[in-house]
Each structure stands twice: as C-alpha cells, then as structure tokens.
C-alpha cells in the first residue's frame, strides 16, 4: 500500500506540471495586463517600463521556464494586482472554499444515499419515482440558475435566508444546495442502478434465504458491494466541487478561491490564476488518491501491489 501511495504521489507531479503548462499559456490569451494597470494617459514608454519591471518583456518560453523553476522551488509567484505572494492569497481564501465544497458534498450524500437505496429496494414506488425526477431535474439545472432561483424565493420573497456573504450556518444553506444538487442527482442515479444490480445477485438471495433482516441484507451486503463505483464518482465530484465552486461563489458573493479566480481573470492577474488552479489540481489529485485507498477499506478483496 505504501509503495502504491508513493507511486501515485510521484505521478501527481505530471498532473500538476500539465495543469500549470496549460494554464500558463491559456491565461495569456486574455490580453496584456499592463493595459489595465496603467492610466489612460500613460505613454508607450511607461508601458514598456512596467512590462520590464513585471518580467513580461521577455520571450514567452523564457517566462515559462522561469515559472517552472519557481514552481519546482515551491514559489507560486507574486500577484500583479495585490503585490502579495500568491500562495498567501490563495491560502487565505481556501478555508471558505473547502467549507462550501464539503457542505455541498454532505448535502449531496445525505440526499442521494437514502433516496438511492430506497428507490432500489422499492422499485416502482413513489419514492422511486421521486428519486428519478430528482435525478433528472438535478442534472438538468445549471448551478447559476438554481442559485438565482434560491435567492429569488428564499431571500427576496420569503426573506428566510441571507442572499450573499459568509459567516453563519444560514449563509451556507443556499450555496451548498446550489453547488451540491448536481452531485446529489448523479450519485442517486448511480447508487440506484448499482443497488438494483446487486440485489439480484445470488449471494443476496442466499442472505434472504438465511433469514437475515432487511437492514442487514441491504446495508451490510448489498450496499457494500454496490458502493465501489459510487466512491469513484464521489471522488470525482469532490474535485469537481472544488473547481465548480467558482460559479457558486460568484452568484452568492462567497469569499472563497472561486471569487478570487474570477477577479484575477478580470484583471489579467496571470500569476494568481496559475497559483489558484495549481492548488485546485493538487487537491483534486489528493482526493482521488484517498478514494482509491478507501476501495481496499470497503472491499477487502482489493489489494494494491
């Protein structure tokens, strides 16, 4: 197991370098940040001096090589807009993004597991039909549209919940629902189909024949075998929630990494965008590594050499 984890961590270096490379070249397609940093009456000489001071006058490949060398030393650079280390700015916003992402994941799991299991145990019932509708509607609604509808109904009309900001549990409810609904719908569909397939297998019929009660058969035997592909999706969705929080944080003015990235893109703050996406890629890789390790915990038959 230790060798497998070490090998996966080594392979993650390639993922991070790949994300850094793609991000480096893509963000520079948005334009020259110097034009946004200087006043309208600035002269071409002023622009040239600022560009030289920021290192943007060098050839693109030279800038890229310098960036990779700094990245290898653990230096994510300095923000063009704030003049502060990018790592400091990202880590300052990271707790808010983690709070929102894991709240959305908790909402998705608390909704998906009961609905998915009950839908499989009682196919064709009312709960099964409601679960199907939830799965279809949840995957069809864009995050920004659902967020706006939640604000319109629960903040503007009913005035039950705050529409923006972070601070109390009430501030977390609507953003976590908006962000987690798609994941809840996806996990519900996958869990239902997996449970239906598992409940029809021979060892489940044997468990019924032995006189085991329903909770024992469903939760101990069927669910444990059906949850392996669900764990894969949960890992992918967790990483997706970290990246997808950008839209949700913008809609609800949530002070996390997503809002920071949007502002950095608008101001063409290349180093800050690169740093934020690299941190997100690292978290994505680590979450999927944890999920792979959990496979062996859930199913003892799985061994990593």
Protein backbone atom coordinates (compact mmCIF):
# COMPACT_ATOMS: atom_id res chain seq x y z
CA UNK A 1 0.00 0.00 0.00
CA UNK A 2 2.79 2.43 0.91
CA UNK A 3 4.53 1.78 -2.40
CA UNK A 4 1.27 2.36 -4.28
CA UNK A 5 0.65 5.67 -2.49
CA UNK A 6 4.22 6.81 -3.15
CA UNK A 7 3.88 5.91 -6.82
CA UNK A 8 0.60 7.80 -7.11
CA UNK A 9 2.11 10.85 -5.43
CA UNK A 10 5.00 10.74 -7.90
CA UNK A 11 2.60 10.53 -10.84
CA UNK A 12 0.71 13.53 -9.47
CA UNK A 13 3.76 15.65 -10.31
CA UNK A 14 2.99 15.11 -14.00
CA UNK A 15 -0.61 16.17 -13.46
CA UNK A 16 0.41 19.38 -11.70
CA UNK A 17 3.01 20.22 -14.35
CA UNK A 18 0.43 19.58 -17.08
CA UNK A 19 -2.14 21.83 -15.41
CA UNK A 20 0.50 24.51 -14.85
CA UNK A 21 1.59 24.37 -18.50
CA UNK A 22 -1.93 24.60 -19.94
CA UNK A 23 -2.89 27.37 -17.53
CA UNK A 24 0.26 29.37 -18.23
CA UNK A 25 -0.41 29.60 -21.95
CA UNK A 26 -4.21 29.89 -21.81
CA UNK A 27 -4.36 32.83 -19.40
CA UNK A 28 -2.06 34.82 -21.65
CA UNK A 29 -4.63 34.66 -24.44
CA UNK A 30 -6.81 37.10 -22.47
CA UNK A 31 -4.55 40.07 -23.28
CA UNK A 32 -1.86 42.29 -21.81
CA UNK A 33 -2.31 43.09 -18.07
CA UNK A 34 -0.23 46.25 -18.44
CA UNK A 35 -3.08 47.96 -20.32
CA UNK A 36 -5.31 47.53 -17.24
CA UNK A 37 -2.67 48.62 -14.73
CA UNK A 38 -1.78 51.97 -16.31
CA UNK A 39 -3.92 55.12 -16.56
CA UNK A 40 -5.40 56.10 -19.91
CA UNK A 41 -2.87 58.90 -20.43
CA UNK A 42 0.15 56.59 -19.99
CA UNK A 43 2.77 56.71 -22.72
CA UNK A 44 4.24 53.71 -24.58
CA UNK A 45 7.44 54.29 -22.59
CA UNK A 46 5.50 53.92 -19.34
CA UNK A 47 4.01 50.66 -20.60
CA UNK A 48 7.44 49.36 -21.63
CA UNK A 49 8.94 50.17 -18.22
CA UNK A 50 6.12 48.47 -16.34
CA UNK A 51 6.28 45.46 -18.63
CA UNK A 52 10.02 45.15 -17.99
CA UNK A 53 9.51 45.52 -14.23
CA UNK A 54 6.98 42.66 -14.26
CA UNK A 55 9.15 40.46 -16.47
CA UNK A 56 6.58 40.45 -19.25
CA UNK A 57 9.01 41.83 -21.83
CA UNK A 58 10.91 38.55 -22.02
CA UNK A 59 10.10 35.87 -24.64
CA UNK A 60 7.19 33.65 -23.68
CA UNK A 61 9.30 30.50 -23.44
CA UNK A 62 11.76 32.28 -21.14
CA UNK A 63 8.86 33.34 -18.91
CA UNK A 64 7.56 29.76 -18.92
CA UNK A 65 10.94 28.31 -17.95
CA UNK A 66 11.27 30.85 -15.14
CA UNK A 67 7.79 29.90 -13.95
CA UNK A 68 8.63 26.17 -13.90
CA UNK A 69 11.84 26.77 -11.97
CA UNK A 70 9.96 28.83 -9.38
CA UNK A 71 7.25 26.17 -9.18
CA UNK A 72 9.87 23.47 -8.53
CA UNK A 73 11.09 25.54 -5.56
CA UNK A 74 7.54 25.86 -4.23
CA UNK A 75 7.30 29.53 -5.22
CA UNK A 76 3.95 30.33 -6.86
CA UNK A 77 4.96 33.90 -7.62
CA UNK A 78 3.54 37.29 -6.70
CA UNK A 79 0.15 38.73 -7.63
CA UNK A 80 0.27 41.52 -10.21
CA UNK A 81 -2.77 43.19 -8.68
CA UNK A 82 -2.15 42.84 -4.95
CA UNK A 83 1.66 42.70 -4.88
CA UNK A 84 1.49 39.84 -2.34
CA UNK A 85 2.65 36.21 -2.59
CA UNK A 86 0.06 34.18 -4.49
CA UNK A 87 0.25 31.29 -2.05
CA UNK A 88 -0.66 33.62 0.81
CA UNK A 89 -3.67 34.98 -1.09
CA UNK A 90 -4.90 31.51 -2.08
CA UNK A 91 -4.49 30.01 1.40
CA UNK A 92 -6.39 32.96 2.85
CA UNK A 93 -9.41 32.08 0.69
CA UNK A 94 -9.01 28.30 0.78
CA UNK A 95 -10.93 27.65 4.05
CA UNK A 96 -14.06 29.32 2.67
CA UNK A 97 -13.94 27.20 -0.50
CA UNK A 98 -13.34 23.98 1.47
CA UNK A 99 -16.23 24.84 3.79
CA UNK A 100 -18.60 25.37 0.87
CA UNK A 101 -17.39 22.33 -1.09
CA UNK A 102 -17.66 19.87 1.79
CA UNK A 103 -21.03 21.30 2.84
CA UNK A 104 -22.24 20.73 -0.73
CA UNK A 105 -20.81 17.19 -0.66
CA UNK A 106 -22.50 16.48 2.68
CA UNK A 107 -25.83 17.71 1.27
CA UNK A 108 -25.38 15.54 -1.83
CA UNK A 109 -24.59 12.40 0.19
CA UNK A 110 -27.34 12.93 2.77
CA UNK A 111 -29.86 13.27 -0.04
CA UNK A 112 -28.51 10.72 -2.52
CA UNK A 113 -27.90 7.71 -0.27
CA UNK A 114 -31.37 7.43 1.34
CA UNK A 115 -33.17 8.18 -1.92
CA UNK A 116 -30.95 5.88 -3.99
CA UNK A 117 -31.19 2.97 -1.55
CA UNK A 118 -34.96 3.25 -1.03
CA UNK A 119 -35.53 3.58 -4.78
CA UNK A 120 -33.63 0.32 -5.37
CA UNK A 121 -35.30 -1.56 -2.52
CA UNK A 122 -38.79 -0.47 -3.66
CA UNK A 123 -38.64 -0.07 -7.46
CA UNK A 124 -41.76 1.46 -8.97
CA UNK A 125 -42.83 3.03 -5.67
CA UNK A 126 -43.49 6.70 -5.01
CA UNK A 127 -40.01 7.23 -3.58
CA UNK A 128 -38.55 5.61 -6.72
CA UNK A 129 -40.48 7.97 -8.99
CA UNK A 130 -39.48 10.97 -6.86
CA UNK A 131 -35.85 9.85 -6.96
CA UNK A 132 -35.98 9.60 -10.75
CA UNK A 133 -37.42 13.10 -11.02
CA UNK A 134 -34.76 14.39 -8.62
CA UNK A 135 -32.01 12.78 -10.67
CA UNK A 136 -33.25 14.20 -13.96
CA UNK A 137 -34.04 17.70 -12.71
CA UNK A 138 -30.91 17.95 -10.57
CA UNK A 139 -28.64 17.18 -13.51
CA UNK A 140 -30.55 19.47 -15.87
CA UNK A 141 -30.43 22.65 -13.76
CA UNK A 142 -27.35 24.88 -14.20
CA UNK A 143 -25.71 25.89 -10.94
CA UNK A 144 -26.05 29.62 -11.56
CA UNK A 145 -29.76 29.32 -12.44
CA UNK A 146 -30.55 27.26 -9.35
CA UNK A 147 -28.60 29.72 -7.22
CA UNK A 148 -30.55 32.67 -8.60
CA UNK A 149 -33.88 30.85 -8.07
CA UNK A 150 -32.95 30.08 -4.46
CA UNK A 151 -32.06 33.73 -3.86
CA UNK A 152 -35.28 34.93 -5.51
CA UNK A 153 -37.53 32.65 -3.46
CA UNK A 154 -35.84 32.28 -0.07
CA UNK A 155 -34.12 35.66 0.21
CA UNK A 156 -36.18 38.14 -1.78
CA UNK A 157 -39.69 36.77 -1.42
CA UNK A 158 -39.69 34.82 1.84
CA UNK A 159 -36.69 36.60 3.42
CA UNK A 160 -35.72 33.43 5.27
CA UNK A 161 -32.05 33.24 4.32
CA UNK A 162 -29.28 35.77 3.56
CA UNK A 163 -28.58 36.13 -0.15
CA UNK A 164 -24.82 36.64 -0.01
CA UNK A 165 -21.72 36.54 2.19
CA UNK A 166 -20.28 34.09 4.69
CA UNK A 167 -20.50 33.95 8.45
CA UNK A 168 -23.34 31.87 9.86
CA UNK A 169 -24.86 28.49 9.04
CA UNK A 170 -27.73 30.30 7.32
CA UNK A 171 -25.28 31.80 4.82
CA UNK A 172 -24.14 28.27 3.90
CA UNK A 173 -27.51 26.67 3.18
CA UNK A 174 -28.36 28.02 -0.28
CA UNK A 175 -24.83 27.93 -1.76
CA UNK A 176 -24.33 24.32 -0.64
CA UNK A 177 -27.68 23.28 -2.14
CA UNK A 178 -26.94 25.04 -5.43
CA UNK A 179 -23.47 23.52 -5.65
CA UNK A 180 -24.38 20.04 -4.44
CA UNK A 181 -27.61 19.39 -6.35
CA UNK A 182 -25.91 18.07 -9.49
CA UNK A 183 -23.72 15.71 -7.46
CA UNK A 184 -26.76 14.53 -5.48
CA UNK A 185 -28.63 13.70 -8.69
CA UNK A 186 -25.67 11.88 -10.22
CA UNK A 187 -24.91 9.81 -7.11
CA UNK A 188 -28.62 8.94 -6.70
CA UNK A 189 -28.85 7.51 -10.21
CA UNK A 190 -25.60 5.57 -9.92
CA UNK A 191 -26.40 4.19 -6.46
CA UNK A 192 -29.90 3.10 -7.51
CA UNK A 193 -28.64 1.24 -10.57
CA UNK A 194 -25.81 -0.37 -8.61
CA UNK A 195 -28.12 -1.46 -5.81
CA UNK A 196 -30.68 -2.90 -8.24
CA UNK A 197 -27.98 -4.96 -9.91
CA UNK A 198 -26.51 -6.15 -6.60
CA UNK A 199 -29.88 -7.06 -5.06
CA UNK A 200 -30.45 -9.51 -7.91
CA UNK A 201 -27.24 -11.48 -7.33
CA UNK A 202 -27.08 -14.99 -5.88
CA UNK A 203 -25.36 -14.08 -2.60
CA UNK A 204 -28.17 -11.63 -1.80
CA UNK A 205 -30.78 -14.32 -2.38
CA UNK A 206 -28.76 -16.58 -0.12
CA UNK A 207 -28.76 -13.88 2.57
CA UNK A 208 -32.56 -13.62 2.31
CA UNK A 209 -32.84 -17.41 2.48
CA UNK A 210 -30.82 -17.46 5.70
CA UNK A 211 -33.48 -15.26 7.29
CA UNK A 212 -31.38 -12.11 7.66
CA UNK A 213 -33.40 -8.96 8.28
CA UNK A 214 -33.81 -6.29 5.59
CA UNK A 215 -31.40 -3.67 7.03
CA UNK A 216 -28.66 -6.27 7.33
CA UNK A 217 -29.09 -7.53 3.76
CA UNK A 218 -29.44 -4.09 2.20
CA UNK A 219 -26.83 -2.13 4.16
CA UNK A 220 -24.24 -4.77 5.08
CA UNK A 221 -24.27 -6.96 1.98
CA UNK A 222 -25.81 -5.11 -0.97
CA UNK A 223 -24.65 -1.57 -0.27
CA UNK A 224 -21.07 -2.57 0.47
CA UNK A 225 -20.78 -4.23 -2.94
CA UNK A 226 -22.63 -1.52 -4.84
CA UNK A 227 -20.73 1.41 -3.34
CA UNK A 228 -17.38 0.86 -5.15
CA UNK A 229 -18.34 2.71 -8.37
CA UNK A 230 -20.16 5.28 -6.25
CA UNK A 231 -16.92 6.01 -4.39
CA UNK A 232 -15.23 6.73 -7.72
CA UNK A 233 -17.93 9.24 -8.62
CA UNK A 234 -17.79 10.80 -5.16
CA UNK A 235 -14.06 11.34 -5.56
CA UNK A 236 -14.50 12.95 -8.97
CA UNK A 237 -17.41 15.05 -7.73
CA UNK A 238 -15.41 16.25 -4.72
CA UNK A 239 -12.70 17.54 -7.02
CA UNK A 240 -15.36 18.95 -9.31
CA UNK A 241 -16.99 20.76 -6.39
CA UNK A 242 -13.69 22.44 -5.54
CA UNK A 243 -13.38 23.73 -9.09
CA UNK A 244 -17.09 24.25 -9.69
CA UNK A 245 -17.37 26.46 -6.62
CA UNK A 246 -16.18 29.33 -8.84
CA UNK A 247 -19.67 29.89 -10.28
CA UNK A 248 -21.45 29.39 -6.95
CA UNK A 249 -19.13 31.74 -5.10
CA UNK A 250 -19.72 34.41 -7.74
CA UNK A 251 -23.53 34.10 -7.50
CA UNK A 252 -23.60 34.20 -3.69
CA UNK A 253 -20.60 36.56 -3.21
CA UNK A 254 -18.92 33.80 -1.20
CA UNK A 255 -15.38 34.95 -0.30
CA UNK A 256 -13.52 31.86 -1.48
CA UNK A 257 -10.98 30.87 -4.09
CA UNK A 258 -13.57 30.90 -6.85
CA UNK A 259 -14.34 34.55 -6.39
CA UNK A 260 -10.61 35.26 -6.19
CA UNK A 261 -10.02 33.48 -9.51
CA UNK A 262 -12.82 35.37 -11.25
CA UNK A 263 -11.42 38.69 -10.07
CA UNK A 264 -7.91 37.65 -11.09
CA UNK A 265 -9.08 36.71 -14.59
CA UNK A 266 -10.92 40.01 -14.95
CA UNK A 267 -7.74 41.92 -14.03
CA UNK A 268 -5.47 39.58 -16.05
CA UNK A 269 -3.54 38.65 -12.93
CA UNK A 270 -1.79 35.71 -14.57
CA UNK A 271 0.33 34.53 -11.61
CA UNK A 272 -2.64 34.47 -9.24
CA UNK A 273 -4.81 32.46 -11.66
CA UNK A 274 -1.98 29.98 -12.16
CA UNK A 275 -1.43 29.57 -8.41
CA UNK A 276 -5.12 29.02 -7.66
CA UNK A 277 -5.58 26.41 -10.39
CA UNK A 278 -2.43 24.56 -9.32
CA UNK A 279 -3.73 24.36 -5.74
CA UNK A 280 -7.10 23.08 -7.03
CA UNK A 281 -5.32 20.45 -9.15
CA UNK A 282 -3.32 19.30 -6.12
CA UNK A 283 -6.47 18.92 -4.04
CA UNK A 284 -8.18 17.04 -6.88
CA UNK A 285 -5.28 14.57 -7.07
CA UNK A 286 -5.18 14.06 -3.29
CA UNK A 287 -8.94 13.49 -3.04
CA UNK A 288 -8.84 10.82 -5.74
CA UNK A 289 -5.87 9.16 -4.03
CA UNK A 290 -7.86 8.98 -0.78
CA UNK A 291 -10.79 7.44 -2.69
CA UNK A 292 -8.53 4.79 -4.24
CA UNK A 293 -7.23 3.87 -0.78
CA UNK A 294 -10.81 3.61 0.51
CA UNK A 295 -11.53 0.91 -2.07
CA UNK A 296 -9.40 -1.52 -0.03
CA UNK A 297 -11.23 -0.49 3.15
CA UNK A 298 -14.69 -1.07 1.70
CA UNK A 299 -13.80 -4.26 -0.18
CA UNK A 300 -11.06 -6.39 1.47
CA UNK A 301 -10.64 -8.33 -1.78
CA UNK A 302 -8.95 -5.32 -3.35
CA UNK A 303 -5.17 -5.31 -2.90
CA UNK A 304 -2.61 -2.80 -4.13
CA UNK A 305 0.78 -4.20 -5.09
